[in-house]
PDB file of N, CA and C in Angstrom:
ATOM      1  N   MET A   1    -140.977  94.618 -75.817  1.00  0.00           N
ATOM      2  CA  MET A   1    -139.757  95.442 -76.398  1.00  0.00           C
ATOM      3  C   MET A   1    -139.079  94.317 -76.914  1.00  0.00           C
ATOM      4  N   GLU A   2    -138.522  94.338 -78.154  1.00  0.00           N
ATOM      5  CA  GLU A   2    -137.611  93.482 -78.694  1.00  0.00           C
ATOM      6  C   GLU A   2    -136.065  94.003 -77.967  1.00  0.00           C
ATOM      7  N   GLU A   3    -135.574  93.148 -77.597  1.00  0.00           N
ATOM      8  CA  GLU A   3    -133.992  93.364 -77.193  1.00  0.00           C
ATOM      9  C   GLU A   3    -133.118  93.759 -78.403  1.00  0.00           C
ATOM     10  N   GLN A   4    -132.304  94.450 -78.369  1.00  0.00           N
ATOM     11  CA  GLN A   4    -131.588  94.713 -79.513  1.00  0.00           C
ATOM     12  C   GLN A   4    -129.994  94.756 -78.829  1.00  0.00           C
ATOM     13  N   ARG A   5    -129.357  93.930 -79.912  1.00  0.00           N
ATOM     14  CA  ARG A   5    -128.210  93.480 -79.293  1.00  0.00           C
ATOM     15  C   ARG A   5    -127.172  94.436 -80.178  1.00  0.00           C
ATOM     16  N   HIS A   6    -126.235  95.081 -79.416  1.00  0.00           N
ATOM     17  CA  HIS A   6    -125.299  95.995 -79.801  1.00  0.00           C
ATOM     18  C   HIS A   6    -123.712  95.151 -80.273  1.00  0.00           C
ATOM     19  N   GLY A   7    -123.057  95.766 -81.165  1.00  0.00           N
ATOM     20  CA  GLY A   7    -121.673  94.789 -81.607  1.00  0.00           C
ATOM     21  C   GLY A   7    -120.870  94.702 -80.501  1.00  0.00           C
ATOM     22  N   ARG A   8    -119.924  94.164 -81.222  1.00  0.00           N
ATOM     23  CA  ARG A   8    -118.657  93.918 -80.032  1.00  0.00           C
ATOM     24  C   ARG A   8    -117.628  94.077 -81.088  1.00  0.00           C
ATOM     25  N   ASP A   9    -116.723  94.559 -80.651  1.00  0.00           N
ATOM     26  CA  ASP A   9    -115.356  95.101 -81.436  1.00  0.00           C
ATOM     27  C   ASP A   9    -114.256  94.028 -81.167  1.00  0.00           C
ATOM     28  N   HIS A  10    -113.878  93.380 -82.262  1.00  0.00           N
ATOM     29  CA  HIS A  10    -113.122  92.127 -82.033  1.00  0.00           C
ATOM     30  C   HIS A  10    -111.819  92.405 -82.715  1.00  0.00           C
ATOM     31  N   ARG A  11    -111.321  93.470 -82.794  1.00  0.00           N
ATOM     32  CA  ARG A  11    -110.268  93.845 -83.708  1.00  0.00           C
ATOM     33  C   ARG A  11    -109.068  92.936 -83.474  1.00  0.00           C
ATOM     34  N   GLY A  12    -108.434  92.421 -84.406  1.00  0.00           N
ATOM     35  CA  GLY A  12    -107.265  91.552 -84.363  1.00  0.00           C
ATOM     36  C   GLY A  12    -106.197  92.228 -85.024  1.00  0.00           C
ATOM     37  N   GLY A  13    -106.593  92.752 -86.017  1.00  0.00           N
ATOM     38  CA  GLY A  13    -105.448  93.191 -86.866  1.00  0.00           C
ATOM     39  C   GLY A  13    -104.445  92.310 -87.484  1.00  0.00           C
ATOM     40  N   ASP A  14    -104.819  91.321 -87.324  1.00  0.00           N
ATOM     41  CA  ASP A  14    -103.845  90.391 -87.822  1.00  0.00           C
ATOM     42  C   ASP A  14    -104.480  89.437 -88.813  1.00  0.00           C
ATOM     43  N   GLU A  15    -103.915  88.347 -89.635  1.00  0.00           N
ATOM     44  CA  GLU A  15    -104.413  87.909 -90.517  1.00  0.00           C
ATOM     45  C   GLU A  15    -104.131  86.349 -90.043  1.00  0.00           C
ATOM     46  N   ASP A  16    -105.038  86.156 -88.713  1.00  0.00           N
ATOM     47  CA  ASP A  16    -104.984  84.899 -88.163  1.00  0.00           C
ATOM     48  C   ASP A  16    -106.175  84.122 -88.183  1.00  0.00           C
ATOM     49  N   VAL A  17    -106.345  83.076 -89.390  1.00  0.00           N
ATOM     50  CA  VAL A  17    -107.731  82.600 -89.719  1.00  0.00           C
ATOM     51  C   VAL A  17    -108.372  82.043 -88.464  1.00  0.00           C
ATOM     52  N   ASP A  18    -107.359  81.238 -87.482  1.00  0.00           N
ATOM     53  CA  ASP A  18    -108.115  80.611 -86.541  1.00  0.00           C
ATOM     54  C   ASP A  18    -108.713  81.678 -85.407  1.00  0.00           C
ATOM     55  N   LYS A  19    -108.502  82.492 -85.239  1.00  0.00           N
ATOM     56  CA  LYS A  19    -108.780  83.385 -84.427  1.00  0.00           C
ATOM     57  C   LYS A  19    -109.967  84.192 -84.761  1.00  0.00           C
ATOM     58  N   GLU A  20    -109.841  84.406 -86.113  1.00  0.00           N
ATOM     59  CA  GLU A  20    -110.839  84.946 -87.074  1.00  0.00           C
ATOM     60  C   GLU A  20    -112.181  83.875 -86.748  1.00  0.00           C
ATOM     61  N   HIS A  21    -112.117  82.729 -86.836  1.00  0.00           N
ATOM     62  CA  HIS A  21    -113.105  81.575 -86.889  1.00  0.00           C
ATOM     63  C   HIS A  21    -113.787  81.728 -85.657  1.00  0.00           C
ATOM     64  N   ARG A  22    -112.820  81.984 -84.640  1.00  0.00           N
ATOM     65  CA  ARG A  22    -113.488  81.867 -83.182  1.00  0.00           C
ATOM     66  C   ARG A  22    -114.181  83.032 -82.883  1.00  0.00           C
ATOM     67  N   TYR A  23    -113.959  84.257 -83.225  1.00  0.00           N
ATOM     68  CA  TYR A  23    -114.764  85.310 -83.363  1.00  0.00           C
ATOM     69  C   TYR A  23    -116.087  85.521 -84.155  1.00  0.00           C
ATOM     70  N   LEU A  24    -115.959  84.706 -85.265  1.00  0.00           N
ATOM     71  CA  LEU A  24    -117.246  84.264 -85.942  1.00  0.00           C
ATOM     72  C   LEU A  24    -118.330  83.446 -85.381  1.00  0.00           C
ATOM     73  N   GLU A  25    -117.525  82.574 -84.705  1.00  0.00           N
ATOM     74  CA  GLU A  25    -118.326  81.517 -83.865  1.00  0.00           C
ATOM     75  C   GLU A  25    -119.193  82.011 -82.899  1.00  0.00           C
ATOM     76  N   VAL A  26    -118.418  82.944 -82.220  1.00  0.00           N
ATOM     77  CA  VAL A  26    -119.017  83.810 -81.007  1.00  0.00           C
ATOM     78  C   VAL A  26    -120.348  84.940 -81.685  1.00  0.00           C
ATOM     79  N   ALA A  27    -119.715  85.351 -82.587  1.00  0.00           N
ATOM     80  CA  ALA A  27    -120.901  86.330 -83.392  1.00  0.00           C
ATOM     81  C   ALA A  27    -122.028  85.302 -83.667  1.00  0.00           C
ATOM     82  N   ALA A  28    -121.942  84.570 -84.300  1.00  0.00           N
ATOM     83  CA  ALA A  28    -123.021  83.645 -84.460  1.00  0.00           C
ATOM     84  C   ALA A  28    -123.723  83.073 -83.661  1.00  0.00           C
ATOM     85  N   GLY A  29    -123.170  82.737 -82.445  1.00  0.00           N
ATOM     86  CA  GLY A  29    -123.958  82.134 -81.320  1.00  0.00           C
ATOM     87  C   GLY A  29    -124.507  83.422 -80.337  1.00  0.00           C
ATOM     88  N   GLU A  30    -124.094  84.410 -80.676  1.00  0.00           N
ATOM     89  CA  GLU A  30    -124.611  85.773 -79.792  1.00  0.00           C
ATOM     90  C   GLU A  30    -125.793  86.245 -80.535  1.00  0.00           C
ATOM     91  N   GLN A  31    -126.049  85.570 -81.511  1.00  0.00           N
ATOM     92  CA  GLN A  31    -127.347  86.182 -82.351  1.00  0.00           C
ATOM     93  C   GLN A  31    -127.064  87.605 -82.934  1.00  0.00           C
ATOM     94  N   MET A  32    -125.737  88.034 -83.172  1.00  0.00           N
ATOM     95  CA  MET A  32    -125.880  89.539 -83.697  1.00  0.00           C
ATOM     96  C   MET A  32    -126.705  89.875 -84.621  1.00  0.00           C
ATOM     97  N   ALA A  33    -126.900  91.019 -84.862  1.00  0.00           N
ATOM     98  CA  ALA A  33    -127.813  91.807 -86.037  1.00  0.00           C
ATOM     99  C   ALA A  33    -127.025  91.886 -87.030  1.00  0.00           C
ATOM    100  N   GLY A  34    -126.025  91.746 -86.971  1.00  0.00           N
ATOM    101  CA  GLY A  34    -125.078  91.695 -88.478  1.00  0.00           C
ATOM    102  C   GLY A  34    -123.384  91.926 -87.966  1.00  0.00           C
ATOM    103  N   VAL A  35    -122.533  91.518 -89.034  1.00  0.00           N
ATOM    104  CA  VAL A  35    -121.091  91.636 -89.018  1.00  0.00           C
ATOM    105  C   VAL A  35    -120.303  92.241 -90.184  1.00  0.00           C
ATOM    106  N   ILE A  36    -119.446  93.292 -89.556  1.00  0.00           N
ATOM    107  CA  ILE A  36    -118.984  93.868 -90.368  1.00  0.00           C
ATOM    108  C   ILE A  36    -117.269  93.037 -90.719  1.00  0.00           C
ATOM    109  N   ILE A  37    -117.019  92.544 -91.367  1.00  0.00           N
ATOM    110  CA  ILE A  37    -115.774  92.005 -91.187  1.00  0.00           C
ATOM    111  C   ILE A  37    -114.629  92.393 -92.684  1.00  0.00           C
ATOM    112  N   ALA A  38    -113.248  92.457 -92.231  1.00  0.00           N
ATOM    113  CA  ALA A  38    -112.416  92.281 -93.219  1.00  0.00           C
ATOM    114  C   ALA A  38    -111.582  91.327 -92.843  1.00  0.00           C
ATOM    115  N   ALA A  39    -111.666  90.245 -93.631  1.00  0.00           N
ATOM    116  CA  ALA A  39    -111.295  88.903 -93.817  1.00  0.00           C
ATOM    117  C   ALA A  39    -109.945  88.866 -93.692  1.00  0.00           C
ATOM    118  N   ALA A  40    -109.614  87.930 -92.686  1.00  0.00           N
ATOM    119  CA  ALA A  40    -108.102  87.552 -92.757  1.00  0.00           C
ATOM    120  C   ALA A  40    -107.711  86.799 -93.714  1.00  0.00           C
ATOM    121  N   SER A  41    -108.336  85.963 -94.703  1.00  0.00           N
ATOM    122  CA  SER A  41    -107.809  85.088 -95.591  1.00  0.00           C
ATOM    123  C   SER A  41    -108.874  85.740 -96.729  1.00  0.00           C
ATOM    124  N   ARG A  42    -108.646  85.613 -98.396  1.00  0.00           N
ATOM    125  CA  ARG A  42    -109.494  85.602 -99.022  1.00  0.00           C
ATOM    126  C   ARG A  42    -109.928  84.609 -99.276  1.00  0.00           C
ATOM    127  N   HIS A  43    -109.236  83.231 -99.336  1.00  0.00           N
ATOM    128  CA  HIS A  43    -109.659  82.117 -99.585  1.00  0.00           C
ATOM    129  C   HIS A  43    -109.894  81.021 -98.471  1.00  0.00           C
ATOM    130  N   ARG A  44    -109.659  81.611 -97.044  1.00  0.00           N
ATOM    131  CA  ARG A  44    -109.937  80.507 -96.073  1.00  0.00           C
ATOM    132  C   ARG A  44    -110.950  81.343 -94.871  1.00  0.00           C
ATOM    133  N   THR A  45    -111.349  82.146 -95.047  1.00  0.00           N
ATOM    134  CA  THR A  45    -112.472  82.747 -94.211  1.00  0.00           C
ATOM    135  C   THR A  45    -113.868  82.327 -94.245  1.00  0.00           C
ATOM    136  N   ASP A  46    -114.230  81.505 -93.398  1.00  0.00           N
ATOM    137  CA  ASP A  46    -115.578  80.907 -93.417  1.00  0.00           C
ATOM    138  C   ASP A  46    -116.700  81.432 -92.842  1.00  0.00           C
ATOM    139  N   LEU A  47    -117.420  81.846 -93.666  1.00  0.00           N
ATOM    140  CA  LEU A  47    -118.727  82.765 -92.940  1.00  0.00           C
ATOM    141  C   LEU A  47    -119.882  82.065 -92.842  1.00  0.00           C
ATOM    142  N   SER A  48    -119.687  80.751 -93.194  1.00  0.00           N
ATOM    143  CA  SER A  48    -121.182  79.841 -93.262  1.00  0.00           C
ATOM    144  C   SER A  48    -121.949  79.824 -91.839  1.00  0.00           C
ATOM    145  N   ALA A  49    -121.401  79.992 -90.668  1.00  0.00           N
ATOM    146  CA  ALA A  49    -121.885  80.072 -89.323  1.00  0.00           C
ATOM    147  C   ALA A  49    -122.694  81.352 -89.408  1.00  0.00           C
ATOM    148  N   LEU A  50    -122.400  82.390 -89.970  1.00  0.00           N
ATOM    149  CA  LEU A  50    -123.375  83.227 -89.787  1.00  0.00           C
ATOM    150  C   LEU A  50    -124.419  83.185 -91.146  1.00  0.00           C
ATOM    151  N   VAL A  51    -123.888  83.077 -92.201  1.00  0.00           N
ATOM    152  CA  VAL A  51    -124.839  83.074 -93.679  1.00  0.00           C
ATOM    153  C   VAL A  51    -126.090  81.897 -93.173  1.00  0.00           C
ATOM    154  N   ASP A  52    -125.508  80.837 -92.682  1.00  0.00           N
ATOM    155  CA  ASP A  52    -126.690  79.900 -92.256  1.00  0.00           C
ATOM    156  C   ASP A  52    -127.685  80.194 -91.570  1.00  0.00           C
ATOM    157  N   ARG A  53    -127.237  81.294 -90.677  1.00  0.00           N
ATOM    158  CA  ARG A  53    -128.286  81.699 -89.808  1.00  0.00           C
ATOM    159  C   ARG A  53    -129.029  83.013 -89.879  1.00  0.00           C
ATOM    160  N   GLY A  54    -128.659  83.226 -91.163  1.00  0.00           N
ATOM    161  CA  GLY A  54    -129.451  84.549 -91.876  1.00  0.00           C
ATOM    162  C   GLY A  54    -128.693  85.814 -91.531  1.00  0.00           C
ATOM    163  N   THR A  55    -127.564  85.949 -90.563  1.00  0.00           N
ATOM    164  CA  THR A  55    -127.086  86.938 -89.984  1.00  0.00           C
ATOM    165  C   THR A  55    -126.250  87.890 -91.450  1.00  0.00           C
ATOM    166  N   PRO A  56    -126.646  89.037 -91.360  1.00  0.00           N
ATOM    167  CA  PRO A  56    -126.153  90.042 -92.348  1.00  0.00           C
ATOM    168  C   PRO A  56    -124.635  90.255 -92.455  1.00  0.00           C
ATOM    169  N   VAL A  57    -124.058  89.743 -93.259  1.00  0.00           N
ATOM    170  CA  VAL A  57    -122.546  90.310 -93.263  1.00  0.00           C
ATOM    171  C   VAL A  57    -122.063  91.298 -94.394  1.00  0.00           C
ATOM    172  N   VAL A  58    -121.402  91.979 -93.696  1.00  0.00           N
ATOM    173  CA  VAL A  58    -120.648  93.234 -95.065  1.00  0.00           C
ATOM    174  C   VAL A  58    -119.179  92.892 -94.901  1.00  0.00           C
ATOM    175  N   ALA A  59    -118.496  92.586 -95.845  1.00  0.00           N
ATOM    176  CA  ALA A  59    -117.339  92.196 -95.963  1.00  0.00           C
ATOM    177  C   ALA A  59    -116.683  93.490 -96.820  1.00  0.00           C
ATOM    178  N   VAL A  60    -115.199  93.839 -96.130  1.00  0.00           N
ATOM    179  CA  VAL A  60    -114.500  94.868 -96.498  1.00  0.00           C
ATOM    180  C   VAL A  60    -112.925  94.326 -97.193  1.00  0.00           C
ATOM    181  N   ASP A  61    -112.471  94.934 -98.095  1.00  0.00           N
ATOM    182  CA  ASP A  61    -111.489  94.680 -98.439  1.00  0.00           C
ATOM    183  C   ASP A  61    -110.415  95.075 -97.512  1.00  0.00           C
ATOM    184  N   ARG A  62    -109.397  94.219 -97.287  1.00  0.00           N
ATOM    185  CA  ARG A  62    -108.423  94.866 -96.314  1.00  0.00           C
ATOM    186  C   ARG A  62    -107.103  95.166 -97.117  1.00  0.00           C
ATOM    187  N   ARG A  63    -107.188  94.915 -98.304  1.00  0.00           N
ATOM    188  CA  ARG A  63    -105.671  95.148 -99.179  1.00  0.00           C
ATOM    189  C   ARG A  63    -105.905  96.600 -99.096  1.00  0.00           C
ATOM    190  N   ARG A  64    -104.736  97.497 -99.474  1.00  0.00           N
ATOM    191  CA  ARG A  64    -104.454  98.934 -99.527  1.00  0.00           C
ATOM    192  C   ARG A  64    -104.057  99.076-100.943  1.00  0.00           C
ATOM    193  N   ALA A  65    -105.138 100.075-101.513  1.00  0.00           N
ATOM    194  CA  ALA A  65    -105.156 100.300-102.659  1.00  0.00           C
ATOM    195  C   ALA A  65    -103.829 100.735-103.099  1.00  0.00           C
ATOM    196  N   GLU A  66    -102.935 100.364-104.458  1.00  0.00           N
ATOM    197  CA  GLU A  66    -101.497 100.909-104.764  1.00  0.00           C
ATOM    198  C   GLU A  66    -101.525 102.567-104.982  1.00  0.00           C
ATOM    199  N   ARG A  67    -100.786 103.119-104.409  1.00  0.00           N
ATOM    200  CA  ARG A  67    -101.005 104.985-104.689  1.00  0.00           C
ATOM    201  C   ARG A  67    -100.568 104.867-106.167  1.00  0.00           C
ATOM    202  N   ARG A  68    -100.977 105.784-106.556  1.00  0.00           N
ATOM    203  CA  ARG A  68    -101.206 106.385-108.069  1.00  0.00           C
ATOM    204  C   ARG A  68    -100.126 107.545-107.946  1.00  0.00           C
ATOM    205  N   SER A  69     -98.736 107.500-108.816  1.00  0.00           N
ATOM    206  CA  SER A  69     -98.375 108.879-108.897  1.00  0.00           C
ATOM    207  C   SER A  69     -99.182 109.892-110.181  1.00  0.00           C
ATOM    208  N   THR A  70     -99.153 111.138-109.895  1.00  0.00           N
ATOM    209  CA  THR A  70     -99.895 112.308-110.727  1.00  0.00           C
ATOM    210  C   THR A  70     -98.768 112.600-111.483  1.00  0.00           C
ATOM    211  N   PRO A  71     -99.235 112.411-112.899  1.00  0.00           N
ATOM    212  CA  PRO A  71     -97.900 112.878-113.940  1.00  0.00           C
ATOM    213  C   PRO A  71     -97.793 114.195-114.068  1.00  0.00           C
TER     214      PRO A  71
END
């Protein structure tokens, strides 16, 4: 029977790219089945450690949508 690895929750809630990088390295090293990420930086987040290993990645936008007032 194949061992299944269940996710870890590394909610940082901040925009610390260095901390995010460490979490992503851990995820890659533990051979997680996949990663869902709200990237800390649009330009500095590096997902290559996961992508190079073929780990599925789902990225969500952490920007809040502007509220539209109804006329």
